[in-house]
Amino acid sequence: MKTFLSSAALFLSAVLLTGCAVSAAHDERPPLLAARDFGMDTLKTGPRHPKQGQWYPYDMFAHCGIKFATFGGRLWQLDQIHTNSRSQVAGERKAGNNVAGYMALQRPDGASFQAAGLPPMDFVPAKDKPPLCA
C-alpha cells in the first residue's frame, strides 16, 4: 500500500510540474510588436481613419501622466490599466516623459495603447477636454 501511495504521489507531482512548465512556457510567448524610440521630429499618432484591430506606431505624451490621447481624429480618455497583463511590445521602458508604443482601435468606442515595459491600457472616447498640466 505504501508503494502505491508513493507512486501516486510521484505521478501527481509530475503532472503538476508538467502543468507549471506548460503554463510558464505560455507566459513566455514572444512579443508581437518591436520596441520603438520616441522622436519629436517624427511624431507618430496613427492615421485619421484607423482600421479596427490594426496596431499603429503611436507616440504618447506622458509629461502629466497618461490620461488622454488623440487617435483616429478623436480624443480618448484612459479607462483601464491592465496591471495583471504584459505588453505585447518587446523590451523595457526607456526613461523620459514620453512613451513610444502602439495604438489600436479595438471597437468603435474603444482603443488600446501598448508600450515596452508598461501594462496594456484601454481608452474610451473622452467626455471632457483634457486639463492643462504644469
Protein backbone atom coordinates (compact mmCIF):
# COMPACT_ATOMS: atom_id res chain seq x y z
CA MET A 1 0.00 0.00 0.00
CA LYS A 2 2.91 2.33 0.82
CA THR A 3 4.38 1.76 -2.65
CA PHE A 4 1.05 2.56 -4.31
CA LEU A 5 0.72 5.85 -2.35
CA SER A 6 4.33 6.79 -3.12
CA SER A 7 3.80 6.06 -6.82
CA ALA A 8 0.55 8.04 -6.84
CA ALA A 9 2.21 10.99 -5.11
CA LEU A 10 5.13 10.87 -7.56
CA PHE A 11 2.75 10.73 -10.55
CA LEU A 12 0.66 13.63 -9.22
CA SER A 13 3.80 15.70 -8.62
CA ALA A 14 4.99 15.03 -12.18
CA VAL A 15 1.61 16.06 -13.61
CA LEU A 16 1.56 19.26 -11.56
CA LEU A 17 5.14 20.15 -12.50
CA THR A 18 4.41 19.50 -16.17
CA GLY A 19 1.37 21.78 -15.94
CA CYS A 20 3.51 24.52 -14.39
CA ALA A 21 6.12 24.13 -17.11
CA VAL A 22 3.49 24.41 -19.83
CA SER A 23 1.91 27.39 -18.11
CA ALA A 24 5.27 29.14 -17.70
CA ALA A 25 6.13 28.49 -21.34
CA HIS A 26 2.79 30.02 -22.37
CA ASP A 27 3.56 33.16 -20.32
CA GLU A 28 6.92 33.47 -22.06
CA ARG A 29 5.45 33.84 -25.54
CA PRO A 30 7.42 36.29 -27.70
CA PRO A 31 6.14 39.86 -28.01
CA LEU A 32 4.28 40.68 -31.20
CA LEU A 33 5.49 44.27 -31.58
CA ALA A 34 9.01 45.72 -31.67
CA ALA A 35 10.07 48.39 -29.17
CA ARG A 36 10.17 51.93 -30.57
CA ASP A 37 12.00 55.15 -29.76
CA PHE A 38 10.13 58.42 -29.18
CA GLY A 39 11.14 61.09 -31.68
CA MET A 40 9.80 64.64 -31.61
CA ASP A 41 10.75 65.26 -35.25
CA THR A 42 8.93 62.14 -36.44
CA LEU A 43 5.97 62.11 -34.05
CA LYS A 44 3.65 59.15 -34.73
CA THR A 45 -0.06 59.49 -33.94
CA GLY A 46 -1.64 56.94 -36.28
CA PRO A 47 -3.95 57.55 -39.25
CA ARG A 48 -7.07 59.70 -39.24
CA HIS A 49 -9.19 56.61 -40.00
CA PRO A 50 -7.56 53.58 -38.34
CA LYS A 51 -8.66 50.05 -39.22
CA GLN A 52 -10.12 48.13 -36.30
CA GLY A 53 -7.65 45.63 -34.80
CA GLN A 54 -4.59 47.12 -36.55
CA TRP A 55 -1.66 48.35 -34.38
CA TYR A 56 -0.18 51.70 -35.40
CA PRO A 57 3.03 53.32 -34.11
CA TYR A 58 1.95 55.91 -31.56
CA ASP A 59 3.93 58.44 -29.50
CA MET A 60 2.23 59.21 -26.20
CA PHE A 61 2.95 62.47 -24.38
CA ALA A 62 3.21 61.44 -20.75
CA HIS A 63 4.55 64.60 -19.09
CA CYS A 64 1.39 64.89 -16.98
CA GLY A 65 0.71 61.16 -16.92
CA ILE A 66 -1.09 59.03 -19.46
CA LYS A 67 -4.71 60.17 -19.22
CA PHE A 68 -5.72 61.40 -22.68
CA ALA A 69 -4.73 60.58 -26.26
CA THR A 70 -5.69 61.83 -29.70
CA PHE A 71 -6.02 58.96 -32.16
CA GLY A 72 -8.04 58.47 -35.33
CA GLY A 73 -9.19 62.08 -35.27
CA ARG A 74 -10.77 61.66 -31.80
CA LEU A 75 -9.88 62.48 -28.23
CA TRP A 76 -9.70 59.43 -25.95
CA GLN A 77 -9.59 59.15 -22.17
CA LEU A 78 -7.85 56.41 -20.17
CA ASP A 79 -10.43 53.91 -18.95
CA GLN A 80 -8.47 50.94 -17.59
CA ILE A 81 -4.89 49.79 -16.99
CA HIS A 82 -4.42 46.02 -17.16
CA THR A 83 -1.84 45.60 -14.40
CA ASN A 84 -2.23 41.82 -14.49
CA SER A 85 -1.24 41.62 -18.20
CA ARG A 86 2.02 42.10 -20.03
CA SER A 87 2.53 44.33 -23.01
CA GLN A 88 2.84 42.79 -26.46
CA VAL A 89 5.74 45.18 -27.10
CA ALA A 90 9.28 43.82 -26.69
CA GLY A 91 11.82 45.43 -24.37
CA GLU A 92 11.90 47.68 -21.35
CA ARG A 93 10.51 51.19 -20.98
CA LYS A 94 13.03 53.89 -21.80
CA ALA A 95 13.47 56.77 -19.36
CA GLY A 96 11.74 60.03 -20.22
CA ASN A 97 8.43 61.84 -20.05
CA ASN A 98 7.08 60.47 -23.31
CA VAL A 99 6.37 56.92 -24.43
CA ALA A 100 6.75 55.35 -27.86
CA GLY A 101 4.34 52.48 -28.36
CA TYR A 102 1.38 51.34 -30.41
CA MET A 103 -2.32 52.25 -30.50
CA ALA A 104 -5.14 50.17 -31.97
CA LEU A 105 -8.83 50.77 -32.42
CA GLN A 106 -10.36 47.69 -30.77
CA ARG A 107 -14.01 48.62 -31.36
CA PRO A 108 -15.79 51.86 -32.39
CA ASP A 109 -15.81 53.10 -28.78
CA GLY A 110 -12.55 51.57 -27.54
CA ALA A 111 -8.83 51.86 -28.25
CA SER A 112 -5.78 50.25 -26.66
CA PHE A 113 -2.25 51.51 -26.12
CA GLN A 114 0.74 49.26 -25.51
CA ALA A 115 4.40 50.10 -25.00
CA ALA A 116 7.53 48.35 -23.80
CA GLY A 117 7.66 47.95 -20.03
CA LEU A 118 4.12 49.22 -19.40
CA PRO A 119 0.89 47.30 -18.88
CA PRO A 120 -1.74 47.48 -21.65
CA MET A 121 -4.10 50.48 -21.37
CA ASP A 122 -7.65 50.86 -22.67
CA PHE A 123 -9.14 54.17 -23.79
CA VAL A 124 -12.73 55.28 -24.37
CA PRO A 125 -13.98 58.41 -26.14
CA ALA A 126 -13.36 61.42 -23.91
CA LYS A 127 -16.34 63.24 -22.47
CA ASP A 128 -14.31 66.26 -21.34
CA LYS A 129 -11.36 68.23 -22.65
CA PRO A 130 -8.04 67.32 -21.07
CA PRO A 131 -6.96 69.70 -18.30
CA LEU A 132 -3.82 71.76 -18.70
CA CYS A 133 -0.93 70.48 -16.61
CA ALA A 134 2.02 72.33 -15.16
